[in-house]
Amino acid sequence: MRQFRIVTDGSCDLPAEWCKEHHIAVLPLYFSIAGAIPEPYPGSGEMKIEDFYAMLRQGTAVQTSAPSIEDCKDILRPILAGGFDILYTGLSSKLSGMFNVMRLASMELQEEFPERRVVVLDSKGGSLGLGILLHALAAAQEKQQELEEVIALGESLIGRISHRFIVGNLMFLKRGGRISGSAAVVGTVLQIMPMLHVNAEGAIEPYSKIRGRKTALRTLADELGGEAAPGTAVYLGHCDAPEDAAFVREILRRKFGIKEVLTGEIGPVLGAHAGPDTVAGFCLVK
């Protein structure tokens, strides 16, 4: 049986302890605050996530970037040299250049290690939606399934992981080109909240409009509760909005009887584009 390691990137928003326990290597993504030297995420952890979102609320500019091909090779090379194949899946190719960086890095590493395999799988998602995929891949690996079986499992699950979210400030979507400037202004004045999801191609798109944040949060809970596969967990991510995430969690538990609702914070790389007060829900659909 060929041994392999699962590799992902910092967009997965999973606890570092869990990744370490399951031997998952996490490639850092980078964010730069007000033009400063880019910081890796995950990194040293010196900046508290609430401080990061406080700066975003104050209008501080943040830029994000993927690591270089050489950075990726430096992290992956010791895994291959240790006799392991690699299965990588990270942020959607439609949302970041990370997928292409990894694809090019894998091609070069295959030349260095022709006896090894480097498989790059497009998750077509991110954050805790990617986390759901990683949980499933790690569980399959720990059951001693072969690499090909784990790849097939991943491919079968990618189209079944729902990513839905609402944002707190439409201007962050405007900066990312998701909505027009006029729509952002009108929506803010009228408190119109677009409901967004990650589509089948792995891109973000709005699919409906709700007036009022509480109504949007209830809608998010109803949609997740209605589509989650029975007996599976629902994951909630938020950008410095724990009370709103708790509001959605309570509806999922009370109205839909979903026992396992896991909540976590969305990191700075994705949070820089979604903005503070974003609440996102992820589940494996029926």
C-alpha atoms as a PDB file:
ATOM      1  CA  MET A   1       0.000   0.000   0.000  1.00  0.00           C
ATOM      2  CA  ARG A   2       1.395   3.379  -1.042  1.00  0.00           C
ATOM      3  CA  GLN A   3       1.525   5.885   1.808  1.00  0.00           C
ATOM      4  CA  PHE A   4       0.275   9.417   1.228  1.00  0.00           C
ATOM      5  CA  ARG A   5      -0.249  12.689   3.038  1.00  0.00           C
ATOM      6  CA  ILE A   6      -3.176  15.077   2.703  1.00  0.00           C
ATOM      7  CA  VAL A   7      -2.211  18.711   2.148  1.00  0.00           C
ATOM      8  CA  THR A   8      -4.452  21.788   2.182  1.00  0.00           C
ATOM      9  CA  ASP A   9      -4.081  25.552   2.570  1.00  0.00           C
ATOM     10  CA  GLY A  10      -4.934  28.236   5.095  1.00  0.00           C
ATOM     11  CA  SER A  11      -8.408  28.810   3.691  1.00  0.00           C
ATOM     12  CA  CYS A  12      -9.773  25.667   5.375  1.00  0.00           C
ATOM     13  CA  ASP A  13     -10.382  27.446   8.736  1.00  0.00           C
ATOM     14  CA  LEU A  14      -9.867  24.197  10.649  1.00  0.00           C
ATOM     15  CA  PRO A  15      -8.116  24.228  14.035  1.00  0.00           C
ATOM     16  CA  ALA A  16      -4.357  23.761  13.799  1.00  0.00           C
ATOM     17  CA  GLU A  17      -4.582  21.050  16.468  1.00  0.00           C
ATOM     18  CA  TRP A  18      -6.983  18.988  14.336  1.00  0.00           C
ATOM     19  CA  CYS A  19      -4.776  19.264  11.257  1.00  0.00           C
ATOM     20  CA  LYS A  20      -1.735  18.235  13.271  1.00  0.00           C
ATOM     21  CA  GLU A  21      -3.575  15.291  14.856  1.00  0.00           C
ATOM     22  CA  HIS A  22      -4.574  13.993  11.424  1.00  0.00           C
ATOM     23  CA  HIS A  23      -1.171  14.673   9.837  1.00  0.00           C
ATOM     24  CA  ILE A  24      -2.528  17.238   7.386  1.00  0.00           C
ATOM     25  CA  ALA A  25       0.013  19.785   6.167  1.00  0.00           C
ATOM     26  CA  VAL A  26      -1.361  23.310   5.757  1.00  0.00           C
ATOM     27  CA  LEU A  27       0.225  25.615   3.195  1.00  0.00           C
ATOM     28  CA  PRO A  28       0.001  29.249   4.307  1.00  0.00           C
ATOM     29  CA  LEU A  29      -1.828  31.934   2.383  1.00  0.00           C
ATOM     30  CA  TYR A  30      -0.768  35.548   2.812  1.00  0.00           C
ATOM     31  CA  PHE A  31      -2.413  38.817   3.801  1.00  0.00           C
ATOM     32  CA  SER A  32      -0.919  42.290   3.901  1.00  0.00           C
ATOM     33  CA  ILE A  33      -2.301  45.102   6.064  1.00  0.00           C
ATOM     34  CA  ALA A  34      -1.995  48.640   4.715  1.00  0.00           C
ATOM     35  CA  GLY A  35       0.843  47.690   2.382  1.00  0.00           C
ATOM     36  CA  ALA A  36       2.990  46.079   5.088  1.00  0.00           C
ATOM     37  CA  ILE A  37       5.076  42.946   4.535  1.00  0.00           C
ATOM     38  CA  PRO A  38       2.689  40.025   3.854  1.00  0.00           C
ATOM     39  CA  GLU A  39       1.981  37.761   6.823  1.00  0.00           C
ATOM     40  CA  PRO A  40       1.361  34.023   6.468  1.00  0.00           C
ATOM     41  CA  TYR A  41      -1.896  32.444   7.575  1.00  0.00           C
ATOM     42  CA  PRO A  42      -1.729  30.219   9.442  1.00  0.00           C
ATOM     43  CA  GLY A  43       1.346  31.812  10.915  1.00  0.00           C
ATOM     44  CA  SER A  44       2.719  32.917  14.244  1.00  0.00           C
ATOM     45  CA  GLY A  45      -0.704  33.803  15.602  1.00  0.00           C
ATOM     46  CA  GLU A  46       0.557  37.087  16.993  1.00  0.00           C
ATOM     47  CA  MET A  47      -2.425  39.029  15.640  1.00  0.00           C
ATOM     48  CA  LYS A  48      -5.754  38.209  17.244  1.00  0.00           C
ATOM     49  CA  ILE A  49      -8.545  37.640  14.763  1.00  0.00           C
ATOM     50  CA  GLU A  50     -10.794  40.184  16.509  1.00  0.00           C
ATOM     51  CA  ASP A  51      -8.067  42.821  16.075  1.00  0.00           C
ATOM     52  CA  PHE A  52      -7.885  41.999  12.372  1.00  0.00           C
ATOM     53  CA  TYR A  53     -11.622  42.533  11.914  1.00  0.00           C
ATOM     54  CA  ALA A  54     -11.488  45.709  14.013  1.00  0.00           C
ATOM     55  CA  MET A  55      -9.014  47.112  11.483  1.00  0.00           C
ATOM     56  CA  LEU A  56     -11.277  46.120   8.608  1.00  0.00           C
ATOM     57  CA  ARG A  57     -14.172  47.938  10.289  1.00  0.00           C
ATOM     58  CA  GLN A  58     -11.979  51.042  10.487  1.00  0.00           C
ATOM     59  CA  GLY A  59     -11.348  50.909   6.740  1.00  0.00           C
ATOM     60  CA  THR A  60      -7.808  49.516   6.770  1.00  0.00           C
ATOM     61  CA  ALA A  61      -6.858  48.123   3.356  1.00  0.00           C
ATOM     62  CA  VAL A  62      -5.931  44.435   3.242  1.00  0.00           C
ATOM     63  CA  GLN A  63      -4.512  42.524   0.298  1.00  0.00           C
ATOM     64  CA  THR A  64      -4.239  38.757  -0.008  1.00  0.00           C
ATOM     65  CA  SER A  65      -1.970  36.494  -2.038  1.00  0.00           C
ATOM     66  CA  ALA A  66      -0.948  32.904  -2.608  1.00  0.00           C
ATOM     67  CA  PRO A  67       2.519  31.569  -1.798  1.00  0.00           C
ATOM     68  CA  SER A  68       5.060  31.241  -4.575  1.00  0.00           C
ATOM     69  CA  ILE A  69       5.689  28.010  -6.431  1.00  0.00           C
ATOM     70  CA  GLU A  70       9.050  27.739  -4.684  1.00  0.00           C
ATOM     71  CA  ASP A  71       7.441  28.237  -1.256  1.00  0.00           C
ATOM     72  CA  CYS A  72       5.063  25.357  -1.971  1.00  0.00           C
ATOM     73  CA  LYS A  73       7.857  23.126  -3.232  1.00  0.00           C
ATOM     74  CA  ASP A  74       9.928  23.810  -0.113  1.00  0.00           C
ATOM     75  CA  ILE A  75       7.068  22.575   2.088  1.00  0.00           C
ATOM     76  CA  LEU A  76       6.073  19.607  -0.074  1.00  0.00           C
ATOM     77  CA  ARG A  77       9.534  18.335  -0.968  1.00  0.00           C
ATOM     78  CA  PRO A  78      10.292  16.796   2.467  1.00  0.00           C
ATOM     79  CA  ILE A  79       6.974  14.891   2.333  1.00  0.00           C
ATOM     80  CA  LEU A  80       7.889  13.351  -1.005  1.00  0.00           C
ATOM     81  CA  ALA A  81      11.460  12.707   0.121  1.00  0.00           C
ATOM     82  CA  GLY A  82      10.025  10.843   3.105  1.00  0.00           C
ATOM     83  CA  GLY A  83       8.381   8.326   0.777  1.00  0.00           C
ATOM     84  CA  PHE A  84       4.846   9.724   0.732  1.00  0.00           C
ATOM     85  CA  ASP A  85       2.566  10.615  -2.164  1.00  0.00           C
ATOM     86  CA  ILE A  86       0.536  13.834  -1.797  1.00  0.00           C
ATOM     87  CA  LEU A  87      -3.170  14.575  -2.169  1.00  0.00           C
ATOM     88  CA  TYR A  88      -3.737  18.341  -2.145  1.00  0.00           C
ATOM     89  CA  THR A  89      -7.073  20.117  -2.023  1.00  0.00           C
ATOM     90  CA  GLY A  90      -7.518  23.755  -1.083  1.00  0.00           C
ATOM     91  CA  LEU A  91      -9.345  26.940  -1.988  1.00  0.00           C
ATOM     92  CA  SER A  92     -11.450  26.833  -5.176  1.00  0.00           C
ATOM     93  CA  SER A  93      -9.622  27.572  -8.410  1.00  0.00           C
ATOM     94  CA  LYS A  94     -12.296  30.205  -9.131  1.00  0.00           C
ATOM     95  CA  LEU A  95     -11.531  32.093  -5.913  1.00  0.00           C
ATOM     96  CA  SER A  96      -7.744  32.119  -5.764  1.00  0.00           C
ATOM     97  CA  GLY A  97      -4.577  31.557  -7.736  1.00  0.00           C
ATOM     98  CA  MET A  98      -3.548  28.958  -5.150  1.00  0.00           C
ATOM     99  CA  PHE A  99      -4.845  26.038  -7.210  1.00  0.00           C
ATOM    100  CA  ASN A 100      -2.742  27.028 -10.216  1.00  0.00           C
ATOM    101  CA  VAL A 101       0.334  27.590  -8.038  1.00  0.00           C
ATOM    102  CA  MET A 102      -0.052  24.089  -6.627  1.00  0.00           C
ATOM    103  CA  ARG A 103      -0.640  22.615 -10.071  1.00  0.00           C
ATOM    104  CA  LEU A 104       2.596  24.108 -11.369  1.00  0.00           C
ATOM    105  CA  ALA A 105       4.502  23.157  -8.204  1.00  0.00           C
ATOM    106  CA  SER A 106       3.261  19.577  -8.505  1.00  0.00           C
ATOM    107  CA  MET A 107       4.430  19.329 -12.112  1.00  0.00           C
ATOM    108  CA  GLU A 108       7.928  20.424 -11.138  1.00  0.00           C
ATOM    109  CA  LEU A 109       8.024  18.134  -8.109  1.00  0.00           C
ATOM    110  CA  GLN A 110       6.970  15.160 -10.236  1.00  0.00           C
ATOM    111  CA  GLU A 111      10.137  15.699 -12.262  1.00  0.00           C
ATOM    112  CA  GLU A 112      12.207  15.645  -9.068  1.00  0.00           C
ATOM    113  CA  PHE A 113      10.386  12.612  -7.655  1.00  0.00           C
ATOM    114  CA  PRO A 114       9.188  10.534 -10.644  1.00  0.00           C
ATOM    115  CA  GLU A 115       8.428   7.583  -8.365  1.00  0.00           C
ATOM    116  CA  ARG A 116       5.947   9.633  -6.310  1.00  0.00           C
ATOM    117  CA  ARG A 117       2.476  11.049  -7.085  1.00  0.00           C
ATOM    118  CA  VAL A 118       1.200  14.563  -6.419  1.00  0.00           C
ATOM    119  CA  VAL A 119      -2.561  14.857  -6.972  1.00  0.00           C
ATOM    120  CA  VAL A 120      -4.149  18.330  -7.053  1.00  0.00           C
ATOM    121  CA  LEU A 121      -7.892  18.237  -6.453  1.00  0.00           C
ATOM    122  CA  ASP A 122     -10.046  21.348  -6.924  1.00  0.00           C
ATOM    123  CA  SER A 123     -12.392  21.537  -3.916  1.00  0.00           C
ATOM    124  CA  LYS A 124     -14.566  24.155  -5.654  1.00  0.00           C
ATOM    125  CA  GLY A 125     -15.094  25.602  -2.198  1.00  0.00           C
ATOM    126  CA  GLY A 126     -13.360  27.022   0.824  1.00  0.00           C
ATOM    127  CA  SER A 127     -13.490  27.736   4.542  1.00  0.00           C
ATOM    128  CA  LEU A 128     -15.394  25.105   6.502  1.00  0.00           C
ATOM    129  CA  GLY A 129     -16.912  23.734   3.290  1.00  0.00           C
ATOM    130  CA  LEU A 130     -13.368  22.702   2.447  1.00  0.00           C
ATOM    131  CA  GLY A 131     -13.192  21.575   6.076  1.00  0.00           C
ATOM    132  CA  ILE A 132     -16.063  19.118   5.508  1.00  0.00           C
ATOM    133  CA  LEU A 133     -14.171  17.639   2.565  1.00  0.00           C
ATOM    134  CA  LEU A 134     -10.964  17.336   4.584  1.00  0.00           C
ATOM    135  CA  HIS A 135     -12.768  15.608   7.448  1.00  0.00           C
ATOM    136  CA  ALA A 136     -14.070  12.992   5.014  1.00  0.00           C
ATOM    137  CA  LEU A 137     -10.702  12.495   3.295  1.00  0.00           C
ATOM    138  CA  ALA A 138      -8.874  12.138   6.612  1.00  0.00           C
ATOM    139  CA  ALA A 139     -11.433   9.620   7.887  1.00  0.00           C
ATOM    140  CA  ALA A 140     -11.036   7.528   4.723  1.00  0.00           C
ATOM    141  CA  GLN A 141      -7.259   7.647   4.952  1.00  0.00           C
ATOM    142  CA  GLU A 142      -7.356   6.515   8.571  1.00  0.00           C
ATOM    143  CA  LYS A 143      -9.457   3.524   7.491  1.00  0.00           C
ATOM    144  CA  GLN A 144      -6.465   2.515   5.360  1.00  0.00           C
ATOM    145  CA  GLN A 145      -8.164   3.264   2.052  1.00  0.00           C
ATOM    146  CA  GLU A 146      -5.900   3.506  -0.967  1.00  0.00           C
ATOM    147  CA  LEU A 147      -5.043   6.885  -2.500  1.00  0.00           C
ATOM    148  CA  GLU A 148      -7.234   6.202  -5.544  1.00  0.00           C
ATOM    149  CA  GLU A 149     -10.192   5.403  -3.286  1.00  0.00           C
ATOM    150  CA  VAL A 150      -9.721   8.619  -1.323  1.00  0.00           C
ATOM    151  CA  ILE A 151      -9.461  10.650  -4.529  1.00  0.00           C
ATOM    152  CA  ALA A 152     -12.694   9.077  -5.798  1.00  0.00           C
ATOM    153  CA  LEU A 153     -14.403   9.866  -2.503  1.00  0.00           C
ATOM    154  CA  GLY A 154     -13.288  13.493  -2.719  1.00  0.00           C
ATOM    155  CA  GLU A 155     -14.546  13.834  -6.282  1.00  0.00           C
ATOM    156  CA  SER A 156     -17.925  12.378  -5.290  1.00  0.00           C
ATOM    157  CA  LEU A 157     -18.334  14.772  -2.349  1.00  0.00           C
ATOM    158  CA  ILE A 158     -17.264  18.051  -3.954  1.00  0.00           C
ATOM    159  CA  GLY A 159     -20.592  18.617  -5.702  1.00  0.00           C
ATOM    160  CA  ARG A 160     -22.533  17.800  -2.530  1.00  0.00           C
ATOM    161  CA  ILE A 161     -21.059  20.409  -0.161  1.00  0.00           C
ATOM    162  CA  SER A 162     -23.225  23.508   0.167  1.00  0.00           C
ATOM    163  CA  HIS A 163     -21.640  26.917   0.838  1.00  0.00           C
ATOM    164  CA  ARG A 164     -24.115  29.705   1.714  1.00  0.00           C
ATOM    165  CA  PHE A 165     -23.443  33.061   3.320  1.00  0.00           C
ATOM    166  CA  ILE A 166     -24.523  36.607   3.998  1.00  0.00           C
ATOM    167  CA  VAL A 167     -22.279  39.605   4.534  1.00  0.00           C
ATOM    168  CA  GLY A 168     -22.399  42.536   6.907  1.00  0.00           C
ATOM    169  CA  ASN A 169     -21.199  45.276   4.577  1.00  0.00           C
ATOM    170  CA  LEU A 170     -21.951  45.244   0.864  1.00  0.00           C
ATOM    171  CA  MET A 171     -18.962  47.473   0.145  1.00  0.00           C
ATOM    172  CA  PHE A 172     -16.611  44.521   0.630  1.00  0.00           C
ATOM    173  CA  LEU A 173     -18.439  42.668  -2.142  1.00  0.00           C
ATOM    174  CA  LYS A 174     -18.229  45.787  -4.293  1.00  0.00           C
ATOM    175  CA  ARG A 175     -14.440  45.956  -3.830  1.00  0.00           C
ATOM    176  CA  GLY A 176     -14.197  42.333  -4.902  1.00  0.00           C
ATOM    177  CA  GLY A 177     -16.301  42.980  -7.999  1.00  0.00           C
ATOM    178  CA  ARG A 178     -19.216  40.804  -6.850  1.00  0.00           C
ATOM    179  CA  ILE A 179     -21.784  43.624  -7.061  1.00  0.00           C
ATOM    180  CA  SER A 180     -21.823  47.098  -8.613  1.00  0.00           C
ATOM    181  CA  GLY A 181     -21.184  50.285  -6.672  1.00  0.00           C
ATOM    182  CA  SER A 182     -24.753  51.483  -7.141  1.00  0.00           C
ATOM    183  CA  ALA A 183     -26.173  48.157  -5.962  1.00  0.00           C
ATOM    184  CA  ALA A 184     -23.976  48.319  -2.872  1.00  0.00           C
ATOM    185  CA  VAL A 185     -25.161  51.834  -2.008  1.00  0.00           C
ATOM    186  CA  VAL A 186     -28.848  51.110  -2.640  1.00  0.00           C
ATOM    187  CA  GLY A 187     -28.657  47.807  -0.819  1.00  0.00           C
ATOM    188  CA  THR A 188     -27.016  49.407   2.205  1.00  0.00           C
ATOM    189  CA  VAL A 189     -29.628  52.175   2.415  1.00  0.00           C
ATOM    190  CA  LEU A 190     -32.571  49.766   2.014  1.00  0.00           C
ATOM    191  CA  GLN A 191     -30.968  47.013   4.155  1.00  0.00           C
ATOM    192  CA  ILE A 192     -31.195  44.563   1.268  1.00  0.00           C
ATOM    193  CA  MET A 193     -29.021  41.540   1.992  1.00  0.00           C
ATOM    194  CA  PRO A 194     -27.952  39.356  -0.926  1.00  0.00           C
ATOM    195  CA  MET A 195     -27.879  35.642  -0.196  1.00  0.00           C
ATOM    196  CA  LEU A 196     -24.734  34.211  -1.780  1.00  0.00           C
ATOM    197  CA  HIS A 197     -23.442  30.739  -2.470  1.00  0.00           C
ATOM    198  CA  VAL A 198     -20.559  28.962  -4.150  1.00  0.00           C
ATOM    199  CA  ASN A 199     -21.896  27.509  -7.387  1.00  0.00           C
ATOM    200  CA  ALA A 200     -21.052  24.208  -9.084  1.00  0.00           C
ATOM    201  CA  GLU A 201     -18.008  25.752 -10.765  1.00  0.00           C
ATOM    202  CA  GLY A 202     -16.627  27.002  -7.443  1.00  0.00           C
ATOM    203  CA  ALA A 203     -17.409  30.693  -7.992  1.00  0.00           C
ATOM    204  CA  ILE A 204     -19.358  33.004  -5.681  1.00  0.00           C
ATOM    205  CA  GLU A 205     -22.693  34.287  -6.926  1.00  0.00           C
ATOM    206  CA  PRO A 206     -25.831  35.865  -5.399  1.00  0.00           C
ATOM    207  CA  TYR A 207     -29.024  33.851  -5.733  1.00  0.00           C
ATOM    208  CA  SER A 208     -31.660  35.886  -3.865  1.00  0.00           C
ATOM    209  CA  LYS A 209     -32.186  39.141  -1.968  1.00  0.00           C
ATOM    210  CA  ILE A 210     -33.581  39.501   1.544  1.00  0.00           C
ATOM    211  CA  ARG A 211     -34.523  42.691   3.329  1.00  0.00           C
ATOM    212  CA  GLY A 212     -33.206  42.916   6.883  1.00  0.00           C
ATOM    213  CA  ARG A 213     -30.337  41.069   8.547  1.00  0.00           C
ATOM    214  CA  LYS A 214     -32.422  38.998  10.975  1.00  0.00           C
ATOM    215  CA  THR A 215     -34.593  37.782   8.121  1.00  0.00           C
ATOM    216  CA  ALA A 216     -31.477  36.887   6.152  1.00  0.00           C
ATOM    217  CA  LEU A 217     -30.062  34.930   9.103  1.00  0.00           C
ATOM    218  CA  ARG A 218     -33.332  33.025   9.498  1.00  0.00           C
ATOM    219  CA  THR A 219     -33.339  32.299   5.762  1.00  0.00           C
ATOM    220  CA  LEU A 220     -29.773  31.022   5.962  1.00  0.00           C
ATOM    221  CA  ALA A 221     -30.748  28.678   8.800  1.00  0.00           C
ATOM    222  CA  ASP A 222     -33.862  27.458   6.981  1.00  0.00           C
ATOM    223  CA  GLU A 223     -31.962  26.726   3.786  1.00  0.00           C
ATOM    224  CA  LEU A 224     -29.193  24.852   5.587  1.00  0.00           C
ATOM    225  CA  GLY A 225     -31.654  22.922   7.715  1.00  0.00           C
ATOM    226  CA  GLY A 226     -33.696  21.969   4.690  1.00  0.00           C
ATOM    227  CA  GLU A 227     -30.812  20.667   2.601  1.00  0.00           C
ATOM    228  CA  ALA A 228     -28.455  19.046   5.143  1.00  0.00           C
ATOM    229  CA  ALA A 229     -28.177  15.279   4.809  1.00  0.00           C
ATOM    230  CA  PRO A 230     -29.756  13.489   7.796  1.00  0.00           C
ATOM    231  CA  GLY A 231     -27.341  12.686  10.595  1.00  0.00           C
ATOM    232  CA  THR A 232     -24.586  14.966   9.320  1.00  0.00           C
ATOM    233  CA  ALA A 233     -23.097  18.045  10.941  1.00  0.00           C
ATOM    234  CA  VAL A 234     -23.691  21.620   9.840  1.00  0.00           C
ATOM    235  CA  TYR A 235     -20.720  23.976  10.038  1.00  0.00           C
ATOM    236  CA  LEU A 236     -21.033  27.701  10.655  1.00  0.00           C
ATOM    237  CA  GLY A 237     -18.258  30.198  10.025  1.00  0.00           C
ATOM    238  CA  HIS A 238     -18.307  33.869  10.921  1.00  0.00           C
ATOM    239  CA  CYS A 239     -16.215  37.012  10.594  1.00  0.00           C
ATOM    240  CA  ASP A 240     -16.318  38.435  14.127  1.00  0.00           C
ATOM    241  CA  ALA A 241     -20.072  37.775  14.412  1.00  0.00           C
ATOM    242  CA  PRO A 242     -20.400  35.086  17.115  1.00  0.00           C
ATOM    243  CA  GLU A 243     -23.859  36.199  18.266  1.00  0.00           C
ATOM    244  CA  ASP A 244     -25.305  35.975  14.753  1.00  0.00           C
ATOM    245  CA  ALA A 245     -23.727  32.546  14.262  1.00  0.00           C
ATOM    246  CA  ALA A 246     -25.259  31.454  17.587  1.00  0.00           C
ATOM    247  CA  PHE A 247     -28.658  32.730  16.387  1.00  0.00           C
ATOM    248  CA  VAL A 248     -28.440  30.532  13.262  1.00  0.00           C
ATOM    249  CA  ARG A 249     -27.170  27.581  15.318  1.00  0.00           C
ATOM    250  CA  GLU A 250     -30.137  27.780  17.686  1.00  0.00           C
ATOM    251  CA  ILE A 251     -32.624  27.673  14.779  1.00  0.00           C
ATOM    252  CA  LEU A 252     -30.855  24.655  13.289  1.00  0.00           C
ATOM    253  CA  ARG A 253     -31.033  22.809  16.590  1.00  0.00           C
ATOM    254  CA  ARG A 254     -34.532  23.825  17.652  1.00  0.00           C
ATOM    255  CA  LYS A 255     -36.393  23.844  14.325  1.00  0.00           C
ATOM    256  CA  PHE A 256     -34.551  21.111  12.439  1.00  0.00           C
ATOM    257  CA  GLY A 257     -33.248  18.944  15.261  1.00  0.00           C
ATOM    258  CA  ILE A 258     -29.664  19.067  14.013  1.00  0.00           C
ATOM    259  CA  LYS A 259     -27.589  17.981  16.987  1.00  0.00           C
ATOM    260  CA  GLU A 260     -24.119  18.671  15.651  1.00  0.00           C
ATOM    261  CA  VAL A 261     -23.650  22.327  14.671  1.00  0.00           C
ATOM    262  CA  LEU A 262     -19.984  23.285  14.702  1.00  0.00           C
ATOM    263  CA  THR A 263     -18.990  26.949  14.757  1.00  0.00           C
ATOM    264  CA  GLY A 264     -15.654  28.541  13.893  1.00  0.00           C
ATOM    265  CA  GLU A 265     -14.067  31.815  12.856  1.00  0.00           C
ATOM    266  CA  ILE A 266     -13.250  32.624   9.242  1.00  0.00           C
ATOM    267  CA  GLY A 267      -9.603  33.555   8.886  1.00  0.00           C
ATOM    268  CA  PRO A 268      -8.155  36.806   7.551  1.00  0.00           C
ATOM    269  CA  VAL A 269      -7.523  35.664   3.971  1.00  0.00           C
ATOM    270  CA  LEU A 270     -11.189  34.951   3.221  1.00  0.00           C
ATOM    271  CA  GLY A 271     -12.406  37.482   5.790  1.00  0.00           C
ATOM    272  CA  ALA A 272     -10.616  40.315   3.968  1.00  0.00           C
ATOM    273  CA  HIS A 273     -12.938  39.754   0.994  1.00  0.00           C
ATOM    274  CA  ALA A 274     -16.170  38.868   2.814  1.00  0.00           C
ATOM    275  CA  GLY A 275     -15.808  41.551   5.474  1.00  0.00           C
ATOM    276  CA  PRO A 276     -16.760  41.731   9.167  1.00  0.00           C
ATOM    277  CA  ASP A 277     -20.145  40.322  10.232  1.00  0.00           C
ATOM    278  CA  THR A 278     -20.235  37.719   7.482  1.00  0.00           C
ATOM    279  CA  VAL A 279     -21.999  34.522   8.528  1.00  0.00           C
ATOM    280  CA  ALA A 280     -21.554  31.394   6.408  1.00  0.00           C
ATOM    281  CA  GLY A 281     -23.092  27.935   6.551  1.00  0.00           C
ATOM    282  CA  PHE A 282     -21.773  24.677   5.137  1.00  0.00           C
ATOM    283  CA  CYS A 283     -23.275  21.215   4.967  1.00  0.00           C
ATOM    284  CA  LEU A 284     -23.303  17.970   3.049  1.00  0.00           C
ATOM    285  CA  VAL A 285     -26.562  18.024   1.103  1.00  0.00           C
ATOM    286  CA  LYS A 286     -29.058  15.187   0.821  1.00  0.00           C
END
